[in-house]
Amino acid sequence: MSKTPKAKPHARKGKPGDYLLRLFIAGNGQNSQKALANLRGLCQEHLEGRYTIETVDVVEDFQAAVRDNILVTPALILVAPLPRVIVLGNLSDQQKVLLALRVSEGDL
């Protein structure tokens, strides 16, 4: 899949085993901004130096949401490592998000 021009990478491009996270948001909505802040905080705390966040604003790039079968925002896709996982909502339940991302106790 090609990267959409609206996607905004954060952190560093990684090595195998690094996390590639794609967050779909809808403009500057409260839940979208909260999801982005929660994801950034979680990554800085638990995945420091091992992640890339791509944000896709479906208001600006609806086709990206269609390509990834996203019907609801905010939605987080764990693109890598496989298998792919989708987490819906503002990501405020950090423990559930960590479990979905398969971040092991050794990583915490």
N, C-alpha and C. Protein backbone atom coordinates (compact mmCIF):
# COMPACT_ATOMS: atom_id res chain seq x y z
N MET A 1 0.84 -1.17 0.00
CA MET A 1 0.00 0.00 0.00
C MET A 1 0.88 1.23 0.00
N SER A 2 0.55 2.18 -0.82
CA SER A 2 1.34 3.40 -0.85
C SER A 2 0.91 4.34 0.25
N LYS A 3 1.84 5.14 0.69
CA LYS A 3 1.56 6.10 1.76
C LYS A 3 0.84 7.29 1.16
N THR A 4 -0.22 7.71 1.80
CA THR A 4 -0.99 8.83 1.30
C THR A 4 -0.22 10.12 1.55
N PRO A 5 -0.38 11.12 0.68
CA PRO A 5 0.34 12.37 0.90
C PRO A 5 -0.10 13.11 2.15
N LYS A 6 -1.29 12.81 2.66
CA LYS A 6 -1.79 13.49 3.85
C LYS A 6 -1.27 12.84 5.14
N ALA A 7 -0.70 11.64 5.04
CA ALA A 7 -0.19 10.96 6.23
C ALA A 7 1.00 11.74 6.77
N LYS A 8 1.06 11.87 8.09
CA LYS A 8 2.14 12.63 8.72
C LYS A 8 2.92 11.69 9.62
N PRO A 9 4.14 11.31 9.21
CA PRO A 9 4.93 10.42 10.05
C PRO A 9 5.51 11.17 11.25
N HIS A 10 5.62 10.46 12.36
CA HIS A 10 6.24 10.98 13.56
C HIS A 10 7.23 9.94 14.03
N ALA A 11 8.13 10.34 14.89
CA ALA A 11 9.18 9.46 15.40
C ALA A 11 10.10 9.09 14.24
N ARG A 12 10.67 7.89 14.28
CA ARG A 12 11.63 7.55 13.23
C ARG A 12 11.16 6.35 12.45
N LYS A 13 11.60 6.30 11.19
CA LYS A 13 11.34 5.10 10.40
C LYS A 13 12.17 3.99 10.98
N GLY A 14 11.59 2.78 10.99
CA GLY A 14 12.24 1.79 11.81
C GLY A 14 12.79 0.58 11.14
N LYS A 15 13.25 -0.27 12.01
CA LYS A 15 13.81 -1.56 11.66
C LYS A 15 12.72 -2.60 11.80
N PRO A 16 12.99 -3.81 11.34
CA PRO A 16 12.03 -4.88 11.60
C PRO A 16 11.76 -5.00 13.09
N GLY A 17 10.51 -5.17 13.45
CA GLY A 17 10.13 -5.26 14.84
C GLY A 17 9.64 -3.94 15.41
N ASP A 18 9.93 -2.84 14.70
CA ASP A 18 9.41 -1.55 15.13
C ASP A 18 7.92 -1.47 14.83
N TYR A 19 7.25 -0.56 15.50
CA TYR A 19 5.80 -0.41 15.36
C TYR A 19 5.48 0.66 14.33
N LEU A 20 4.62 0.31 13.39
CA LEU A 20 4.06 1.27 12.44
C LEU A 20 2.59 1.39 12.77
N LEU A 21 2.18 2.58 13.20
CA LEU A 21 0.82 2.84 13.66
C LEU A 21 0.18 3.89 12.76
N ARG A 22 -1.01 3.60 12.27
CA ARG A 22 -1.74 4.55 11.42
C ARG A 22 -3.02 4.95 12.15
N LEU A 23 -3.13 6.24 12.46
CA LEU A 23 -4.28 6.75 13.19
C LEU A 23 -5.16 7.56 12.25
N PHE A 24 -6.40 7.12 12.12
CA PHE A 24 -7.39 7.84 11.31
C PHE A 24 -8.17 8.77 12.23
N ILE A 25 -8.19 10.05 11.86
CA ILE A 25 -8.91 11.05 12.63
C ILE A 25 -9.86 11.80 11.70
N ALA A 26 -10.79 12.56 12.28
CA ALA A 26 -11.72 13.37 11.50
C ALA A 26 -11.53 14.83 11.89
N GLY A 27 -10.69 15.52 11.16
CA GLY A 27 -10.47 16.93 11.41
C GLY A 27 -9.91 17.19 12.80
N ASN A 28 -10.37 18.29 13.38
CA ASN A 28 -9.91 18.69 14.71
C ASN A 28 -10.90 18.33 15.80
N GLY A 29 -11.70 17.32 15.56
CA GLY A 29 -12.69 16.89 16.54
C GLY A 29 -12.04 16.51 17.86
N GLN A 30 -12.78 16.69 18.93
CA GLN A 30 -12.27 16.45 20.28
C GLN A 30 -11.76 15.02 20.45
N ASN A 31 -12.54 14.03 20.02
CA ASN A 31 -12.11 12.64 20.16
C ASN A 31 -10.87 12.34 19.32
N SER A 32 -10.80 12.93 18.13
CA SER A 32 -9.63 12.71 17.28
C SER A 32 -8.38 13.28 17.92
N GLN A 33 -8.46 14.49 18.45
CA GLN A 33 -7.30 15.11 19.08
C GLN A 33 -6.89 14.38 20.35
N LYS A 34 -7.88 13.89 21.10
CA LYS A 34 -7.59 13.12 22.32
C LYS A 34 -6.91 11.81 21.95
N ALA A 35 -7.37 11.15 20.90
CA ALA A 35 -6.75 9.89 20.46
C ALA A 35 -5.30 10.12 20.06
N LEU A 36 -5.04 11.19 19.34
CA LEU A 36 -3.67 11.49 18.91
C LEU A 36 -2.78 11.76 20.12
N ALA A 37 -3.27 12.56 21.05
CA ALA A 37 -2.48 12.85 22.25
C ALA A 37 -2.23 11.59 23.07
N ASN A 38 -3.27 10.76 23.23
CA ASN A 38 -3.12 9.51 23.98
C ASN A 38 -2.11 8.58 23.31
N LEU A 39 -2.17 8.48 21.99
CA LEU A 39 -1.26 7.60 21.26
C LEU A 39 0.18 8.09 21.38
N ARG A 40 0.37 9.38 21.21
CA ARG A 40 1.73 9.93 21.34
C ARG A 40 2.30 9.67 22.73
N GLY A 41 1.49 9.90 23.75
CA GLY A 41 1.95 9.66 25.12
C GLY A 41 2.28 8.21 25.37
N LEU A 42 1.43 7.32 24.91
CA LEU A 42 1.65 5.88 25.07
C LEU A 42 2.94 5.46 24.38
N CYS A 43 3.14 5.92 23.15
CA CYS A 43 4.34 5.55 22.40
C CYS A 43 5.60 6.09 23.05
N GLN A 44 5.56 7.34 23.50
CA GLN A 44 6.74 7.92 24.14
C GLN A 44 7.09 7.18 25.42
N GLU A 45 6.07 6.73 26.13
CA GLU A 45 6.31 6.05 27.40
C GLU A 45 6.73 4.60 27.23
N HIS A 46 6.13 3.89 26.27
CA HIS A 46 6.33 2.44 26.19
C HIS A 46 7.09 1.95 24.96
N LEU A 47 7.19 2.77 23.92
CA LEU A 47 7.82 2.32 22.68
C LEU A 47 8.91 3.28 22.21
N GLU A 48 9.50 4.01 23.11
CA GLU A 48 10.44 5.06 22.76
C GLU A 48 11.48 4.59 21.74
N GLY A 49 11.55 5.33 20.63
CA GLY A 49 12.54 5.04 19.60
C GLY A 49 12.20 3.85 18.71
N ARG A 50 11.02 3.25 18.90
CA ARG A 50 10.68 2.03 18.13
C ARG A 50 9.33 2.14 17.45
N TYR A 51 8.92 3.35 17.07
CA TYR A 51 7.60 3.50 16.48
C TYR A 51 7.56 4.62 15.45
N THR A 52 6.60 4.51 14.55
CA THR A 52 6.26 5.56 13.61
C THR A 52 4.75 5.71 13.65
N ILE A 53 4.29 6.94 13.78
CA ILE A 53 2.85 7.22 13.75
C ILE A 53 2.54 7.96 12.45
N GLU A 54 1.59 7.44 11.71
CA GLU A 54 1.05 8.14 10.55
C GLU A 54 -0.36 8.59 10.92
N THR A 55 -0.66 9.86 10.72
CA THR A 55 -2.02 10.33 10.95
C THR A 55 -2.67 10.58 9.61
N VAL A 56 -3.91 10.15 9.48
CA VAL A 56 -4.67 10.34 8.26
C VAL A 56 -5.97 11.03 8.64
N ASP A 57 -6.18 12.22 8.12
CA ASP A 57 -7.41 12.97 8.36
C ASP A 57 -8.40 12.58 7.27
N VAL A 58 -9.45 11.87 7.64
CA VAL A 58 -10.40 11.37 6.64
C VAL A 58 -11.21 12.50 6.01
N VAL A 59 -11.25 13.66 6.63
CA VAL A 59 -11.91 14.81 6.02
C VAL A 59 -11.13 15.24 4.79
N GLU A 60 -9.81 15.17 4.86
CA GLU A 60 -8.95 15.55 3.74
C GLU A 60 -8.65 14.40 2.79
N ASP A 61 -8.63 13.18 3.28
CA ASP A 61 -8.25 12.02 2.47
C ASP A 61 -9.18 10.84 2.76
N PHE A 62 -10.41 10.96 2.31
CA PHE A 62 -11.41 9.92 2.55
C PHE A 62 -11.03 8.59 1.89
N GLN A 63 -10.36 8.65 0.74
CA GLN A 63 -10.00 7.43 0.03
C GLN A 63 -9.03 6.56 0.85
N ALA A 64 -8.20 7.17 1.67
CA ALA A 64 -7.31 6.38 2.53
C ALA A 64 -8.13 5.54 3.50
N ALA A 65 -9.21 6.12 4.04
CA ALA A 65 -10.09 5.37 4.94
C ALA A 65 -10.76 4.22 4.20
N VAL A 66 -11.18 4.48 2.99
CA VAL A 66 -11.82 3.44 2.18
C VAL A 66 -10.83 2.30 1.92
N ARG A 67 -9.60 2.65 1.56
CA ARG A 67 -8.58 1.62 1.29
C ARG A 67 -8.32 0.73 2.50
N ASP A 68 -8.38 1.32 3.70
CA ASP A 68 -8.11 0.55 4.92
C ASP A 68 -9.38 0.07 5.61
N ASN A 69 -10.53 0.22 4.94
CA ASN A 69 -11.82 -0.23 5.48
C ASN A 69 -12.16 0.41 6.82
N ILE A 70 -11.89 1.68 6.95
CA ILE A 70 -12.19 2.41 8.19
C ILE A 70 -13.53 3.12 8.02
N LEU A 71 -14.47 2.81 8.90
CA LEU A 71 -15.80 3.40 8.86
C LEU A 71 -16.05 4.35 10.02
N VAL A 72 -15.22 4.27 11.07
CA VAL A 72 -15.42 5.04 12.29
C VAL A 72 -14.09 5.68 12.66
N THR A 73 -14.14 6.90 13.17
CA THR A 73 -12.93 7.54 13.68
C THR A 73 -13.18 7.99 15.10
N PRO A 74 -12.15 8.11 15.90
CA PRO A 74 -10.77 7.73 15.59
C PRO A 74 -10.60 6.22 15.53
N ALA A 75 -9.68 5.81 14.69
CA ALA A 75 -9.36 4.39 14.53
C ALA A 75 -7.85 4.25 14.36
N LEU A 76 -7.28 3.35 15.13
CA LEU A 76 -5.85 3.09 15.07
C LEU A 76 -5.62 1.73 14.43
N ILE A 77 -4.74 1.69 13.45
CA ILE A 77 -4.35 0.42 12.83
C ILE A 77 -2.89 0.14 13.20
N LEU A 78 -2.67 -1.04 13.75
CA LEU A 78 -1.31 -1.54 13.93
C LEU A 78 -0.93 -2.17 12.59
N VAL A 79 -0.12 -1.48 11.81
CA VAL A 79 0.27 -1.95 10.49
C VAL A 79 1.40 -2.97 10.61
N ALA A 80 2.34 -2.68 11.49
CA ALA A 80 3.47 -3.59 11.75
C ALA A 80 3.83 -3.47 13.22
N PRO A 81 4.23 -4.55 13.84
CA PRO A 81 4.38 -5.90 13.29
C PRO A 81 3.02 -6.57 13.07
N LEU A 82 3.02 -7.49 12.13
CA LEU A 82 1.81 -8.24 11.83
C LEU A 82 1.48 -9.19 12.98
N PRO A 83 0.27 -9.63 13.18
CA PRO A 83 -0.90 -9.35 12.36
C PRO A 83 -1.47 -7.96 12.64
N ARG A 84 -2.16 -7.47 11.66
CA ARG A 84 -2.78 -6.16 11.71
C ARG A 84 -3.90 -6.15 12.76
N VAL A 85 -3.99 -5.06 13.50
CA VAL A 85 -5.00 -4.90 14.55
C VAL A 85 -5.62 -3.52 14.39
N ILE A 86 -6.93 -3.41 14.63
CA ILE A 86 -7.60 -2.11 14.61
C ILE A 86 -8.19 -1.85 15.99
N VAL A 87 -7.92 -0.66 16.53
CA VAL A 87 -8.45 -0.23 17.82
C VAL A 87 -9.29 1.02 17.57
N LEU A 88 -10.52 1.01 18.04
CA LEU A 88 -11.42 2.14 17.84
C LEU A 88 -11.53 2.97 19.11
N GLY A 89 -11.77 4.26 18.94
CA GLY A 89 -12.01 5.13 20.08
C GLY A 89 -10.85 6.07 20.33
N ASN A 90 -10.92 6.79 21.46
CA ASN A 90 -9.93 7.82 21.74
C ASN A 90 -8.68 7.30 22.45
N LEU A 91 -8.56 6.00 22.60
CA LEU A 91 -7.36 5.33 23.13
C LEU A 91 -7.05 5.71 24.57
N SER A 92 -8.08 6.07 25.33
CA SER A 92 -7.86 6.49 26.71
C SER A 92 -7.60 5.33 27.67
N ASP A 93 -8.02 4.11 27.31
CA ASP A 93 -7.73 2.95 28.16
C ASP A 93 -6.38 2.37 27.74
N GLN A 94 -5.33 2.90 28.34
CA GLN A 94 -3.98 2.57 27.94
C GLN A 94 -3.68 1.08 28.01
N GLN A 95 -4.14 0.39 29.05
CA GLN A 95 -3.86 -1.04 29.18
C GLN A 95 -4.48 -1.84 28.03
N LYS A 96 -5.70 -1.49 27.64
CA LYS A 96 -6.33 -2.20 26.52
C LYS A 96 -5.60 -1.93 25.22
N VAL A 97 -5.13 -0.70 25.03
CA VAL A 97 -4.39 -0.38 23.81
C VAL A 97 -3.07 -1.13 23.79
N LEU A 98 -2.37 -1.18 24.91
CA LEU A 98 -1.11 -1.92 24.98
C LEU A 98 -1.32 -3.40 24.68
N LEU A 99 -2.40 -3.98 25.21
CA LEU A 99 -2.70 -5.38 24.91
C LEU A 99 -2.98 -5.58 23.43
N ALA A 100 -3.76 -4.68 22.85
CA ALA A 100 -4.08 -4.79 21.42
C ALA A 100 -2.82 -4.67 20.56
N LEU A 101 -1.89 -3.83 20.99
CA LEU A 101 -0.64 -3.65 20.24
C LEU A 101 0.38 -4.73 20.53
N ARG A 102 0.04 -5.62 21.46
CA ARG A 102 0.92 -6.72 21.85
C ARG A 102 2.25 -6.22 22.41
N VAL A 103 2.17 -5.17 23.21
CA VAL A 103 3.37 -4.69 23.89
C VAL A 103 3.55 -5.58 25.12
N SER A 104 4.65 -6.32 25.16
CA SER A 104 4.86 -7.29 26.22
C SER A 104 5.33 -6.61 27.51
N GLU A 105 5.24 -7.32 28.60
CA GLU A 105 5.65 -6.80 29.89
C GLU A 105 7.13 -6.38 29.84
N GLY A 106 7.92 -7.10 29.08
CA GLY A 106 9.33 -6.75 28.96
C GLY A 106 9.54 -5.41 28.29
N ASP A 107 8.55 -4.97 27.50
CA ASP A 107 8.65 -3.68 26.83
C ASP A 107 8.24 -2.54 27.74
N LEU A 108 7.48 -2.84 28.80
CA LEU A 108 6.93 -1.79 29.64
C LEU A 108 7.91 -1.22 30.61
